[in-house]
């Protein structure tokens, strides 16, 4: 494997980053215009809803979302202050906290979904055929699932 990317790889990289930024801006703008919190709040609520009612340790949530530890702690504090999540001490590890979804958090996540899904449709669904979307997923999964060199 060569260390220097070829022209096609660089072009693919630039397009990937631009596509990501465009899609994320579409979603973030739609959520903001609908007076919802940022997308990362949705992601936290969704992950907690998946494991409800047991909750997740903050470190587990951090790994699922790929947010730095200081970032997840700050985000959790904001969301807790808004009544969307609740924190409690982990019974197995007194240094850890368990984060749980509240009813208010579940309702907010459900209210955000139509706006979020509509933005996804505008960003991707309306621009790609089903076959193109499947092909894109396959290509992106090759990148996501690559073994670390």
Protein backbone atom coordinates (compact mmCIF):
# COMPACT_ATOMS: atom_id res chain seq x y z
CA UNK A 1 0.00 0.00 0.00
CA UNK A 2 1.42 3.37 -0.94
CA UNK A 3 1.60 6.22 1.58
CA UNK A 4 0.63 8.98 -0.80
CA UNK A 5 -2.98 9.16 -2.07
CA UNK A 6 -3.63 9.33 -5.78
CA UNK A 7 -5.65 12.11 -7.40
CA UNK A 8 -8.88 10.06 -7.35
CA UNK A 9 -8.51 9.34 -3.63
CA UNK A 10 -7.98 13.01 -2.82
CA UNK A 11 -10.98 13.95 -4.96
CA UNK A 12 -13.10 11.31 -3.18
CA UNK A 13 -11.94 12.64 0.19
CA UNK A 14 -12.90 16.21 -0.67
CA UNK A 15 -16.31 15.11 -1.97
CA UNK A 16 -16.93 12.97 1.11
CA UNK A 17 -16.16 15.86 3.47
CA UNK A 18 -18.27 18.30 1.46
CA UNK A 19 -21.19 15.87 1.30
CA UNK A 20 -20.98 15.32 5.05
CA UNK A 21 -20.89 19.05 5.76
CA UNK A 22 -23.79 19.73 3.39
CA UNK A 23 -25.98 16.99 4.84
CA UNK A 24 -25.20 17.94 8.43
CA UNK A 25 -25.87 21.62 7.75
CA UNK A 26 -29.24 20.70 6.25
CA UNK A 27 -30.19 18.71 9.35
CA UNK A 28 -28.83 21.24 11.86
CA UNK A 29 -30.55 24.14 10.08
CA UNK A 30 -33.88 22.29 9.98
CA UNK A 31 -33.69 21.49 13.69
CA UNK A 32 -32.74 25.06 14.56
CA UNK A 33 -35.56 26.52 12.44
CA UNK A 34 -38.02 24.23 14.24
CA UNK A 35 -36.66 25.47 17.60
CA UNK A 36 -35.14 22.12 18.51
CA UNK A 37 -31.77 21.55 20.14
CA UNK A 38 -28.73 20.47 18.09
CA UNK A 39 -28.42 17.06 16.47
CA UNK A 40 -26.04 15.70 19.10
CA UNK A 41 -28.86 16.02 21.64
CA UNK A 42 -31.02 13.85 19.40
CA UNK A 43 -28.22 11.28 19.17
CA UNK A 44 -27.93 11.07 22.96
CA UNK A 45 -31.70 10.71 23.36
CA UNK A 46 -31.84 8.00 20.70
CA UNK A 47 -29.02 5.94 22.24
CA UNK A 48 -30.68 6.17 25.66
CA UNK A 49 -34.06 5.23 24.20
CA UNK A 50 -32.52 2.11 22.66
CA UNK A 51 -31.39 0.86 26.08
CA UNK A 52 -34.30 2.25 28.10
CA UNK A 53 -34.99 1.83 30.98
CA UNK A 54 -31.56 0.57 32.08
CA UNK A 55 -29.62 3.61 30.87
CA UNK A 56 -25.95 3.76 29.96
CA UNK A 57 -22.78 4.65 31.79
CA UNK A 58 -21.39 7.96 30.56
CA UNK A 59 -18.30 6.18 29.23
CA UNK A 60 -20.51 3.83 27.16
CA UNK A 61 -22.46 6.77 25.77
CA UNK A 62 -19.20 8.51 24.93
CA UNK A 63 -18.02 5.49 22.92
CA UNK A 64 -21.31 5.13 21.05
CA UNK A 65 -21.33 8.80 20.04
CA UNK A 66 -17.61 9.37 19.56
CA UNK A 67 -17.70 12.50 21.70
CA UNK A 68 -14.78 13.42 23.92
CA UNK A 69 -15.25 12.77 27.64
CA UNK A 70 -15.33 16.45 28.54
CA UNK A 71 -17.85 17.02 25.74
CA UNK A 72 -20.24 14.30 26.86
CA UNK A 73 -20.08 15.46 30.48
CA UNK A 74 -20.91 19.02 29.45
CA UNK A 75 -23.67 17.85 27.10
CA UNK A 76 -25.14 15.58 29.78
CA UNK A 77 -25.19 18.49 32.24
CA UNK A 78 -27.10 20.69 29.79
CA UNK A 79 -29.56 17.94 28.96
CA UNK A 80 -30.09 17.10 32.63
CA UNK A 81 -30.72 20.78 33.40
CA UNK A 82 -33.43 20.69 30.72
CA UNK A 83 -35.04 17.60 32.28
CA UNK A 84 -34.29 15.35 29.28
CA UNK A 85 -32.05 12.89 31.06
CA UNK A 86 -31.36 11.86 34.63
CA UNK A 87 -28.06 10.76 36.13
CA UNK A 88 -27.49 8.37 38.98
CA UNK A 89 -24.48 6.72 40.52
CA UNK A 90 -23.49 3.36 39.04
CA UNK A 91 -24.05 0.65 41.69
CA UNK A 92 -21.04 -1.39 40.46
CA UNK A 93 -18.61 1.51 40.18
CA UNK A 94 -19.04 4.48 42.49
CA UNK A 95 -16.87 6.62 40.15
CA UNK A 96 -19.27 6.14 37.21
CA UNK A 97 -22.67 7.58 36.48
CA UNK A 98 -25.62 5.99 34.69
CA UNK A 99 -27.55 8.26 32.33
CA UNK A 100 -31.24 7.53 31.79
CA UNK A 101 -33.85 8.95 29.46
CA UNK A 102 -36.73 10.85 31.04
CA UNK A 103 -40.26 10.95 29.65
CA UNK A 104 -39.60 14.54 28.57
CA UNK A 105 -36.47 13.38 26.72
CA UNK A 106 -38.35 10.56 24.97
CA UNK A 107 -41.07 13.00 23.87
CA UNK A 108 -38.52 15.49 22.56
CA UNK A 109 -36.70 12.78 20.57
CA UNK A 110 -40.00 11.70 19.02
CA UNK A 111 -40.93 15.32 18.23
CA UNK A 112 -37.53 15.94 16.59
CA UNK A 113 -37.70 12.89 14.31
CA UNK A 114 -40.10 14.26 11.66
CA UNK A 115 -37.91 17.35 11.19
CA UNK A 116 -34.72 15.27 11.17
CA UNK A 117 -36.09 12.65 8.77
CA UNK A 118 -37.40 15.32 6.41
CA UNK A 119 -33.93 16.89 6.30
CA UNK A 120 -32.38 13.48 5.57
CA UNK A 121 -34.87 13.03 2.74
CA UNK A 122 -33.95 16.45 1.30
CA UNK A 123 -30.22 15.75 1.66
CA UNK A 124 -30.07 12.19 0.38
CA UNK A 125 -33.41 10.55 -0.33
CA UNK A 126 -34.53 13.03 -2.96
CA UNK A 127 -31.11 13.08 -4.66
CA UNK A 128 -30.34 9.36 -4.95
CA UNK A 129 -32.22 6.39 -6.32
CA UNK A 130 -32.62 3.42 -4.00
CA UNK A 131 -29.86 1.61 -5.89
CA UNK A 132 -27.53 4.63 -5.60
CA UNK A 133 -28.26 4.85 -1.87
CA UNK A 134 -27.48 1.14 -1.43
CA UNK A 135 -24.25 1.54 -3.42
CA UNK A 136 -23.25 4.59 -1.38
CA UNK A 137 -23.87 2.65 1.84
CA UNK A 138 -21.69 -0.21 0.61
CA UNK A 139 -18.89 2.17 -0.35
CA UNK A 140 -19.03 4.08 2.92
CA UNK A 141 -19.07 0.83 4.90
CA UNK A 142 -15.81 -0.16 3.20
CA UNK A 143 -14.30 3.00 4.69
CA UNK A 144 -15.99 2.61 8.10
CA UNK A 145 -15.14 -1.05 8.50
CA UNK A 146 -11.56 -0.89 7.30
CA UNK A 147 -8.94 -2.47 9.51
CA UNK A 148 -6.56 -0.02 11.11
CA UNK A 149 -3.16 -0.10 9.49
